[in-house]
Amino acid sequence: MSFYPGKTVRLDKFLKSSSLIKRRSLAQAACKGGMVLVNGKVAKPGTELKLGDEITVFTPTYKVMVRVKSLHDKEKGEELYEMLKKEKLEE
């Protein structure tokens, strides 16, 4: 786990950098639509994340839960989070 005292990252930027959502504009729309939770609460795109925060993303077919494990700018994709749960939603 990367440690940077006091470092935070915007939720929409993290979702894009982690590849949980492909584009930042889509991440912003998902947040505004109530499809992203941080620590169990609906989050705005500008929510500041810190290490250990848990993010839940709802897509039309999946519910994905991850824990923030790095806020380093140079890391991408799965290096930034620990997968907690991924479940297929019933149609």
PDB file of N, CA and C in Angstrom:
ATOM      1  N   MET A   1       0.844  -1.171   0.000  1.00  0.00           N
ATOM      2  CA  MET A   1       0.000   0.000   0.000  1.00  0.00           C
ATOM      3  C   MET A   1       0.894   1.239   0.000  1.00  0.00           C
ATOM      4  N   SER A   2       0.625   2.144  -0.918  1.00  0.00           N
ATOM      5  CA  SER A   2       1.388   3.384  -0.987  1.00  0.00           C
ATOM      6  C   SER A   2       0.844   4.358   0.044  1.00  0.00           C
ATOM      7  N   PHE A   3       1.753   5.050   0.729  1.00  0.00           N
ATOM      8  CA  PHE A   3       1.337   5.972   1.771  1.00  0.00           C
ATOM      9  C   PHE A   3       1.847   7.371   1.480  1.00  0.00           C
ATOM     10  N   TYR A   4       0.921   8.301   1.418  1.00  0.00           N
ATOM     11  CA  TYR A   4       1.253   9.703   1.217  1.00  0.00           C
ATOM     12  C   TYR A   4       0.439  10.493   2.231  1.00  0.00           C
ATOM     13  N   PRO A   5       1.053  10.943   3.325  1.00  0.00           N
ATOM     14  CA  PRO A   5       0.310  11.622   4.389  1.00  0.00           C
ATOM     15  C   PRO A   5      -0.523  12.792   3.858  1.00  0.00           C
ATOM     16  N   GLY A   6      -1.812  12.759   4.162  1.00  0.00           N
ATOM     17  CA  GLY A   6      -2.688  13.857   3.792  1.00  0.00           C
ATOM     18  C   GLY A   6      -3.092  13.910   2.335  1.00  0.00           C
ATOM     19  N   LYS A   7      -2.578  13.019   1.491  1.00  0.00           N
ATOM     20  CA  LYS A   7      -2.893  13.070   0.065  1.00  0.00           C
ATOM     21  C   LYS A   7      -4.319  12.590  -0.170  1.00  0.00           C
ATOM     22  N   THR A   8      -5.023  13.315  -1.032  1.00  0.00           N
ATOM     23  CA  THR A   8      -6.360  12.917  -1.450  1.00  0.00           C
ATOM     24  C   THR A   8      -6.452  13.028  -2.970  1.00  0.00           C
ATOM     25  N   VAL A   9      -7.438  12.353  -3.539  1.00  0.00           N
ATOM     26  CA  VAL A   9      -7.670  12.396  -4.984  1.00  0.00           C
ATOM     27  C   VAL A   9      -9.172  12.486  -5.196  1.00  0.00           C
ATOM     28  N   ARG A  10      -9.582  13.266  -6.185  1.00  0.00           N
ATOM     29  CA  ARG A  10     -11.004  13.362  -6.528  1.00  0.00           C
ATOM     30  C   ARG A  10     -11.535  12.002  -6.974  1.00  0.00           C
ATOM     31  N   LEU A  11     -12.753  11.704  -6.591  1.00  0.00           N
ATOM     32  CA  LEU A  11     -13.386  10.435  -6.936  1.00  0.00           C
ATOM     33  C   LEU A  11     -13.444  10.213  -8.444  1.00  0.00           C
ATOM     34  N   ASP A  12     -13.880  11.210  -9.211  1.00  0.00           N
ATOM     35  CA  ASP A  12     -14.006  11.016 -10.654  1.00  0.00           C
ATOM     36  C   ASP A  12     -12.650  10.731 -11.310  1.00  0.00           C
ATOM     37  N   LYS A  13     -11.602  11.384 -10.833  1.00  0.00           N
ATOM     38  CA  LYS A  13     -10.266  11.142 -11.368  1.00  0.00           C
ATOM     39  C   LYS A  13      -9.786   9.726 -11.010  1.00  0.00           C
ATOM     40  N   PHE A  14     -10.060   9.296  -9.783  1.00  0.00           N
ATOM     41  CA  PHE A  14      -9.664   7.957  -9.350  1.00  0.00           C
ATOM     42  C   PHE A  14     -10.379   6.888 -10.171  1.00  0.00           C
ATOM     43  N   LEU A  15     -11.678   7.063 -10.390  1.00  0.00           N
ATOM     44  CA  LEU A  15     -12.438   6.070 -11.158  1.00  0.00           C
ATOM     45  C   LEU A  15     -11.883   5.916 -12.568  1.00  0.00           C
ATOM     46  N   LYS A  16     -11.475   7.026 -13.173  1.00  0.00           N
ATOM     47  CA  LYS A  16     -10.892   6.981 -14.516  1.00  0.00           C
ATOM     48  C   LYS A  16      -9.502   6.346 -14.480  1.00  0.00           C
ATOM     49  N   SER A  17      -8.640   6.782 -13.570  1.00  0.00           N
ATOM     50  CA  SER A  17      -7.265   6.265 -13.471  1.00  0.00           C
ATOM     51  C   SER A  17      -7.238   4.778 -13.146  1.00  0.00           C
ATOM     52  N   SER A  18      -8.211   4.325 -12.372  1.00  0.00           N
ATOM     53  CA  SER A  18      -8.251   2.919 -11.964  1.00  0.00           C
ATOM     54  C   SER A  18      -8.890   2.034 -13.026  1.00  0.00           C
ATOM     55  N   SER A  19      -9.448   2.644 -14.058  1.00  0.00           N
ATOM     56  CA  SER A  19     -10.155   1.933 -15.131  1.00  0.00           C
ATOM     57  C   SER A  19     -11.447   1.273 -14.662  1.00  0.00           C
ATOM     58  N   LEU A  20     -11.947   1.667 -13.503  1.00  0.00           N
ATOM     59  CA  LEU A  20     -13.259   1.172 -13.074  1.00  0.00           C
ATOM     60  C   LEU A  20     -14.344   1.758 -13.975  1.00  0.00           C
ATOM     61  N   ILE A  21     -14.115   2.988 -14.432  1.00  0.00           N
ATOM     62  CA  ILE A  21     -14.979   3.641 -15.416  1.00  0.00           C
ATOM     63  C   ILE A  21     -14.047   4.228 -16.477  1.00  0.00           C
ATOM     64  N   LYS A  22     -14.395   4.048 -17.749  1.00  0.00           N
ATOM     65  CA  LYS A  22     -13.481   4.361 -18.858  1.00  0.00           C
ATOM     66  C   LYS A  22     -13.126   5.837 -19.010  1.00  0.00           C
ATOM     67  N   ARG A  23     -14.105   6.743 -18.824  1.00  0.00           N
ATOM     68  CA  ARG A  23     -13.835   8.164 -19.037  1.00  0.00           C
ATOM     69  C   ARG A  23     -14.281   8.970 -17.819  1.00  0.00           C
ATOM     70  N   ARG A  24     -13.589  10.077 -17.600  1.00  0.00           N
ATOM     71  CA  ARG A  24     -13.904  10.918 -16.446  1.00  0.00           C
ATOM     72  C   ARG A  24     -15.317  11.486 -16.544  1.00  0.00           C
ATOM     73  N   SER A  25     -15.747  11.835 -17.754  1.00  0.00           N
ATOM     74  CA  SER A  25     -17.104  12.372 -17.921  1.00  0.00           C
ATOM     75  C   SER A  25     -18.154  11.321 -17.554  1.00  0.00           C
ATOM     76  N   LEU A  26     -17.893  10.058 -17.868  1.00  0.00           N
ATOM     77  CA  LEU A  26     -18.804   8.976 -17.477  1.00  0.00           C
ATOM     78  C   LEU A  26     -18.785   8.778 -15.957  1.00  0.00           C
ATOM     79  N   ALA A  27     -17.610   8.926 -15.350  1.00  0.00           N
ATOM     80  CA  ALA A  27     -17.492   8.814 -13.896  1.00  0.00           C
ATOM     81  C   ALA A  27     -18.307   9.926 -13.220  1.00  0.00           C
ATOM     82  N   GLN A  28     -18.238  11.133 -13.766  1.00  0.00           N
ATOM     83  CA  GLN A  28     -18.998  12.247 -13.216  1.00  0.00           C
ATOM     84  C   GLN A  28     -20.497  11.990 -13.338  1.00  0.00           C
ATOM     85  N   ALA A  29     -20.921  11.482 -14.492  1.00  0.00           N
ATOM     86  CA  ALA A  29     -22.340  11.189 -14.703  1.00  0.00           C
ATOM     87  C   ALA A  29     -22.817  10.088 -13.753  1.00  0.00           C
ATOM     88  N   ALA A  30     -21.992   9.054 -13.548  1.00  0.00           N
ATOM     89  CA  ALA A  30     -22.357   7.963 -12.644  1.00  0.00           C
ATOM     90  C   ALA A  30     -22.514   8.484 -11.215  1.00  0.00           C
ATOM     91  N   CYS A  31     -21.609   9.358 -10.794  1.00  0.00           N
ATOM     92  CA  CYS A  31     -21.695   9.938  -9.449  1.00  0.00           C
ATOM     93  C   CYS A  31     -22.961  10.784  -9.313  1.00  0.00           C
ATOM     94  N   LYS A  32     -23.210  11.628 -10.286  1.00  0.00           N
ATOM     95  CA  LYS A  32     -24.385  12.498 -10.240  1.00  0.00           C
ATOM     96  C   LYS A  32     -25.677  11.688 -10.284  1.00  0.00           C
ATOM     97  N   GLY A  33     -25.621  10.504 -10.894  1.00  0.00           N
ATOM     98  CA  GLY A  33     -26.785   9.629 -10.977  1.00  0.00           C
ATOM     99  C   GLY A  33     -26.970   8.731  -9.766  1.00  0.00           C
ATOM    100  N   GLY A  34     -26.100   8.876  -8.753  1.00  0.00           N
ATOM    101  CA  GLY A  34     -26.225   8.091  -7.536  1.00  0.00           C
ATOM    102  C   GLY A  34     -25.749   6.657  -7.670  1.00  0.00           C
ATOM    103  N   MET A  35     -24.942   6.372  -8.694  1.00  0.00           N
ATOM    104  CA  MET A  35     -24.486   5.006  -8.948  1.00  0.00           C
ATOM    105  C   MET A  35     -23.121   4.707  -8.328  1.00  0.00           C
ATOM    106  N   VAL A  36     -22.561   5.667  -7.568  1.00  0.00           N
ATOM    107  CA  VAL A  36     -21.265   5.467  -6.921  1.00  0.00           C
ATOM    108  C   VAL A  36     -21.393   5.832  -5.437  1.00  0.00           C
ATOM    109  N   LEU A  37     -20.950   4.907  -4.592  1.00  0.00           N
ATOM    110  CA  LEU A  37     -20.953   5.133  -3.149  1.00  0.00           C
ATOM    111  C   LEU A  37     -19.519   5.139  -2.641  1.00  0.00           C
ATOM    112  N   VAL A  38     -19.250   5.972  -1.652  1.00  0.00           N
ATOM    113  CA  VAL A  38     -17.967   5.958  -0.954  1.00  0.00           C
ATOM    114  C   VAL A  38     -18.285   5.731   0.517  1.00  0.00           C
ATOM    115  N   ASN A  39     -17.740   4.654   1.047  1.00  0.00           N
ATOM    116  CA  ASN A  39     -17.994   4.272   2.437  1.00  0.00           C
ATOM    117  C   ASN A  39     -19.493   4.198   2.733  1.00  0.00           C
ATOM    118  N   GLY A  40     -20.250   3.672   1.755  1.00  0.00           N
ATOM    119  CA  GLY A  40     -21.677   3.443   1.934  1.00  0.00           C
ATOM    120  C   GLY A  40     -22.586   4.632   1.707  1.00  0.00           C
ATOM    121  N   LYS A  41     -22.023   5.780   1.312  1.00  0.00           N
ATOM    122  CA  LYS A  41     -22.828   6.981   1.086  1.00  0.00           C
ATOM    123  C   LYS A  41     -22.696   7.428  -0.360  1.00  0.00           C
ATOM    124  N   VAL A  42     -23.805   7.914  -0.936  1.00  0.00           N
ATOM    125  CA  VAL A  42     -23.778   8.430  -2.300  1.00  0.00           C
ATOM    126  C   VAL A  42     -22.742   9.548  -2.366  1.00  0.00           C
ATOM    127  N   ALA A  43     -21.895   9.505  -3.400  1.00  0.00           N
ATOM    128  CA  ALA A  43     -20.771  10.451  -3.476  1.00  0.00           C
ATOM    129  C   ALA A  43     -20.864  11.333  -4.717  1.00  0.00           C
ATOM    130  N   LYS A  44     -20.396  12.561  -4.567  1.00  0.00           N
ATOM    131  CA  LYS A  44     -20.316  13.507  -5.679  1.00  0.00           C
ATOM    132  C   LYS A  44     -18.994  13.291  -6.409  1.00  0.00           C
ATOM    133  N   PRO A  45     -18.886  13.754  -7.671  1.00  0.00           N
ATOM    134  CA  PRO A  45     -17.642  13.573  -8.430  1.00  0.00           C
ATOM    135  C   PRO A  45     -16.415  14.170  -7.735  1.00  0.00           C
ATOM    136  N   GLY A  46     -16.593  15.254  -6.987  1.00  0.00           N
ATOM    137  CA  GLY A  46     -15.473  15.929  -6.336  1.00  0.00           C
ATOM    138  C   GLY A  46     -15.133  15.406  -4.950  1.00  0.00           C
ATOM    139  N   THR A  47     -15.780  14.314  -4.538  1.00  0.00           N
ATOM    140  CA  THR A  47     -15.476  13.731  -3.235  1.00  0.00           C
ATOM    141  C   THR A  47     -14.004  13.377  -3.165  1.00  0.00           C
ATOM    142  N   GLU A  48     -13.322  13.811  -2.109  1.00  0.00           N
ATOM    143  CA  GLU A  48     -11.899  13.534  -1.950  1.00  0.00           C
ATOM    144  C   GLU A  48     -11.703  12.166  -1.302  1.00  0.00           C
ATOM    145  N   LEU A  49     -10.993  11.291  -1.993  1.00  0.00           N
ATOM    146  CA  LEU A  49     -10.709   9.947  -1.495  1.00  0.00           C
ATOM    147  C   LEU A  49      -9.410   9.924  -0.721  1.00  0.00           C
ATOM    148  N   LYS A  50      -9.355   9.044   0.274  1.00  0.00           N
ATOM    149  CA  LYS A  50      -8.110   8.808   0.993  1.00  0.00           C
ATOM    150  C   LYS A  50      -7.886   7.302   1.063  1.00  0.00           C
ATOM    151  N   LEU A  51      -6.702   6.892   1.462  1.00  0.00           N
ATOM    152  CA  LEU A  51      -6.385   5.471   1.549  1.00  0.00           C
ATOM    153  C   LEU A  51      -7.379   4.758   2.448  1.00  0.00           C
ATOM    154  N   GLY A  52      -7.800   3.574   2.014  1.00  0.00           N
ATOM    155  CA  GLY A  52      -8.703   2.763   2.809  1.00  0.00           C
ATOM    156  C   GLY A  52     -10.177   3.003   2.538  1.00  0.00           C
ATOM    157  N   ASP A  53     -10.522   4.064   1.799  1.00  0.00           N
ATOM    158  CA  ASP A  53     -11.930   4.297   1.466  1.00  0.00           C
ATOM    159  C   ASP A  53     -12.454   3.139   0.630  1.00  0.00           C
ATOM    160  N   GLU A  54     -13.725   2.801   0.839  1.00  0.00           N
ATOM    161  CA  GLU A  54     -14.361   1.747   0.058  1.00  0.00           C
ATOM    162  C   GLU A  54     -15.322   2.379  -0.943  1.00  0.00           C
ATOM    163  N   ILE A  55     -15.189   1.969  -2.202  1.00  0.00           N
ATOM    164  CA  ILE A  55     -15.992   2.518  -3.289  1.00  0.00           C
ATOM    165  C   ILE A  55     -16.873   1.399  -3.841  1.00  0.00           C
ATOM    166  N   THR A  56     -18.147   1.710  -4.043  1.00  0.00           N
ATOM    167  CA  THR A  56     -19.067   0.781  -4.687  1.00  0.00           C
ATOM    168  C   THR A  56     -19.568   1.442  -5.953  1.00  0.00           C
ATOM    169  N   VAL A  57     -19.443   0.732  -7.085  1.00  0.00           N
ATOM    170  CA  VAL A  57     -19.893   1.237  -8.376  1.00  0.00           C
ATOM    171  C   VAL A  57     -20.971   0.293  -8.904  1.00  0.00           C
ATOM    172  N   PHE A  58     -22.121   0.864  -9.235  1.00  0.00           N
ATOM    173  CA  PHE A  58     -23.201   0.092  -9.831  1.00  0.00           C
ATOM    174  C   PHE A  58     -23.218   0.350 -11.333  1.00  0.00           C
ATOM    175  N   THR A  59     -23.182  -0.710 -12.123  1.00  0.00           N
ATOM    176  CA  THR A  59     -23.350  -0.615 -13.570  1.00  0.00           C
ATOM    177  C   THR A  59     -24.665  -1.325 -13.882  1.00  0.00           C
ATOM    178  N   PRO A  60     -25.132  -1.286 -15.118  1.00  0.00           N
ATOM    179  CA  PRO A  60     -26.377  -1.983 -15.422  1.00  0.00           C
ATOM    180  C   PRO A  60     -26.326  -3.497 -15.134  1.00  0.00           C
ATOM    181  N   THR A  61     -25.134  -4.089 -15.167  1.00  0.00           N
ATOM    182  CA  THR A  61     -25.045  -5.542 -14.992  1.00  0.00           C
ATOM    183  C   THR A  61     -24.241  -5.993 -13.769  1.00  0.00           C
ATOM    184  N   TYR A  62     -23.424  -5.112 -13.184  1.00  0.00           N
ATOM    185  CA  TYR A  62     -22.563  -5.511 -12.070  1.00  0.00           C
ATOM    186  C   TYR A  62     -22.602  -4.515 -10.923  1.00  0.00           C
ATOM    187  N   LYS A  63     -22.254  -5.028  -9.748  1.00  0.00           N
ATOM    188  CA  LYS A  63     -21.968  -4.199  -8.573  1.00  0.00           C
ATOM    189  C   LYS A  63     -20.528  -4.518  -8.206  1.00  0.00           C
ATOM    190  N   VAL A  64     -19.668  -3.510  -8.198  1.00  0.00           N
ATOM    191  CA  VAL A  64     -18.248  -3.689  -7.927  1.00  0.00           C
ATOM    192  C   VAL A  64     -17.888  -2.922  -6.658  1.00  0.00           C
ATOM    193  N   MET A  65     -17.220  -3.610  -5.724  1.00  0.00           N
ATOM    194  CA  MET A  65     -16.766  -2.970  -4.493  1.00  0.00           C
ATOM    195  C   MET A  65     -15.249  -3.084  -4.411  1.00  0.00           C
ATOM    196  N   VAL A  66     -14.571  -1.933  -4.187  1.00  0.00           N
ATOM    197  CA  VAL A  66     -13.115  -1.911  -4.090  1.00  0.00           C
ATOM    198  C   VAL A  66     -12.689  -1.079  -2.891  1.00  0.00           C
ATOM    199  N   ARG A  67     -11.439  -1.281  -2.453  1.00  0.00           N
ATOM    200  CA  ARG A  67     -10.841  -0.471  -1.388  1.00  0.00           C
ATOM    201  C   ARG A  67      -9.636   0.255  -1.986  1.00  0.00           C
ATOM    202  N   VAL A  68      -9.539   1.552  -1.725  1.00  0.00           N
ATOM    203  CA  VAL A  68      -8.427   2.355  -2.225  1.00  0.00           C
ATOM    204  C   VAL A  68      -7.149   1.914  -1.517  1.00  0.00           C
ATOM    205  N   LYS A  69      -6.137   1.502  -2.315  1.00  0.00           N
ATOM    206  CA  LYS A  69      -4.866   1.096  -1.702  1.00  0.00           C
ATOM    207  C   LYS A  69      -3.696   1.980  -2.128  1.00  0.00           C
ATOM    208  N   SER A  70      -3.904   2.854  -3.114  1.00  0.00           N
ATOM    209  CA  SER A  70      -2.847   3.767  -3.529  1.00  0.00           C
ATOM    210  C   SER A  70      -3.466   5.030  -4.122  1.00  0.00           C
ATOM    211  N   LEU A  71      -2.806   6.155  -3.895  1.00  0.00           N
ATOM    212  CA  LEU A  71      -3.228   7.428  -4.479  1.00  0.00           C
ATOM    213  C   LEU A  71      -2.105   8.020  -5.325  1.00  0.00           C
ATOM    214  N   HIS A  72      -1.147   7.192  -5.696  1.00  0.00           N
ATOM    215  CA  HIS A  72       0.016   7.656  -6.449  1.00  0.00           C
ATOM    216  C   HIS A  72      -0.383   7.962  -7.886  1.00  0.00           C
ATOM    217  N   ASP A  73       0.036   9.123  -8.385  1.00  0.00           N
ATOM    218  CA  ASP A  73      -0.323   9.565  -9.732  1.00  0.00           C
ATOM    219  C   ASP A  73       0.212   8.654 -10.829  1.00  0.00           C
ATOM    220  N   LYS A  74       1.333   7.990 -10.586  1.00  0.00           N
ATOM    221  CA  LYS A  74       1.969   7.199 -11.633  1.00  0.00           C
ATOM    222  C   LYS A  74       1.396   5.785 -11.744  1.00  0.00           C
ATOM    223  N   GLU A  75       0.632   5.354 -10.751  1.00  0.00           N
ATOM    224  CA  GLU A  75       0.035   4.022 -10.800  1.00  0.00           C
ATOM    225  C   GLU A  75      -1.298   4.094 -11.527  1.00  0.00           C
ATOM    226  N   LYS A  76      -1.635   3.003 -12.202  1.00  0.00           N
ATOM    227  CA  LYS A  76      -2.877   2.944 -12.978  1.00  0.00           C
ATOM    228  C   LYS A  76      -3.567   1.614 -12.749  1.00  0.00           C
ATOM    229  N   GLY A  77      -4.827   1.560 -13.116  1.00  0.00           N
ATOM    230  CA  GLY A  77      -5.579   0.312 -13.094  1.00  0.00           C
ATOM    231  C   GLY A  77      -5.654  -0.336 -11.728  1.00  0.00           C
ATOM    232  N   GLU A  78      -5.476  -1.656 -11.722  1.00  0.00           N
ATOM    233  CA  GLU A  78      -5.652  -2.434 -10.502  1.00  0.00           C
ATOM    234  C   GLU A  78      -4.594  -2.171  -9.431  1.00  0.00           C
ATOM    235  N   GLU A  79      -3.537  -1.436  -9.758  1.00  0.00           N
ATOM    236  CA  GLU A  79      -2.536  -1.078  -8.749  1.00  0.00           C
ATOM    237  C   GLU A  79      -3.128  -0.120  -7.711  1.00  0.00           C
ATOM    238  N   LEU A  80      -4.203   0.563  -8.072  1.00  0.00           N
ATOM    239  CA  LEU A  80      -4.785   1.588  -7.217  1.00  0.00           C
ATOM    240  C   LEU A  80      -5.792   1.057  -6.206  1.00  0.00           C
ATOM    241  N   TYR A  81      -6.298  -0.161  -6.437  1.00  0.00           N
ATOM    242  CA  TYR A  81      -7.354  -0.657  -5.552  1.00  0.00           C
ATOM    243  C   TYR A  81      -7.240  -2.150  -5.297  1.00  0.00           C
ATOM    244  N   GLU A  82      -7.925  -2.575  -4.246  1.00  0.00           N
ATOM    245  CA  GLU A  82      -8.062  -3.987  -3.905  1.00  0.00           C
ATOM    246  C   GLU A  82      -9.522  -4.353  -4.166  1.00  0.00           C
ATOM    247  N   MET A  83      -9.764  -5.371  -4.976  1.00  0.00           N
ATOM    248  CA  MET A  83     -11.120  -5.806  -5.279  1.00  0.00           C
ATOM    249  C   MET A  83     -11.711  -6.506  -4.050  1.00  0.00           C
ATOM    250  N   LEU A  84     -12.837  -6.017  -3.580  1.00  0.00           N
ATOM    251  CA  LEU A  84     -13.504  -6.626  -2.438  1.00  0.00           C
ATOM    252  C   LEU A  84     -14.605  -7.577  -2.888  1.00  0.00           C
ATOM    253  N   LYS A  85     -15.367  -7.148  -3.894  1.00  0.00           N
ATOM    254  CA  LYS A  85     -16.474  -7.981  -4.363  1.00  0.00           C
ATOM    255  C   LYS A  85     -16.898  -7.513  -5.748  1.00  0.00           C
ATOM    256  N   LYS A  86     -17.241  -8.446  -6.609  1.00  0.00           N
ATOM    257  CA  LYS A  86     -17.831  -8.137  -7.903  1.00  0.00           C
ATOM    258  C   LYS A  86     -18.952  -9.132  -8.098  1.00  0.00           C
ATOM    259  N   GLU A  87     -20.157  -8.611  -8.169  1.00  0.00           N
ATOM    260  CA  GLU A  87     -21.285  -9.529  -8.331  1.00  0.00           C
ATOM    261  C   GLU A  87     -22.166  -9.104  -9.484  1.00  0.00           C
ATOM    262  N   LYS A  88     -22.647 -10.100 -10.196  1.00  0.00           N
ATOM    263  CA  LYS A  88     -23.541  -9.865 -11.326  1.00  0.00           C
ATOM    264  C   LYS A  88     -24.935  -9.585 -10.785  1.00  0.00           C
ATOM    265  N   LEU A  89     -25.540  -8.504 -11.297  1.00  0.00           N
ATOM    266  CA  LEU A  89     -26.887  -8.150 -10.885  1.00  0.00           C
ATOM    267  C   LEU A  89     -27.888  -8.936 -11.709  1.00  0.00           C
ATOM    268  N   GLU A  90     -28.966  -9.332 -11.079  1.00  0.00           N
ATOM    269  CA  GLU A  90     -30.004 -10.069 -11.794  1.00  0.00           C
ATOM    270  C   GLU A  90     -30.736  -9.135 -12.730  1.00  0.00           C
ATOM    271  N   GLU A  91     -31.084  -9.667 -13.868  1.00  0.00           N
ATOM    272  CA  GLU A  91     -31.763  -8.840 -14.878  1.00  0.00           C
ATOM    273  C   GLU A  91     -33.251  -8.828 -14.695  1.00  0.00           C
TER     274      GLU A  91
END
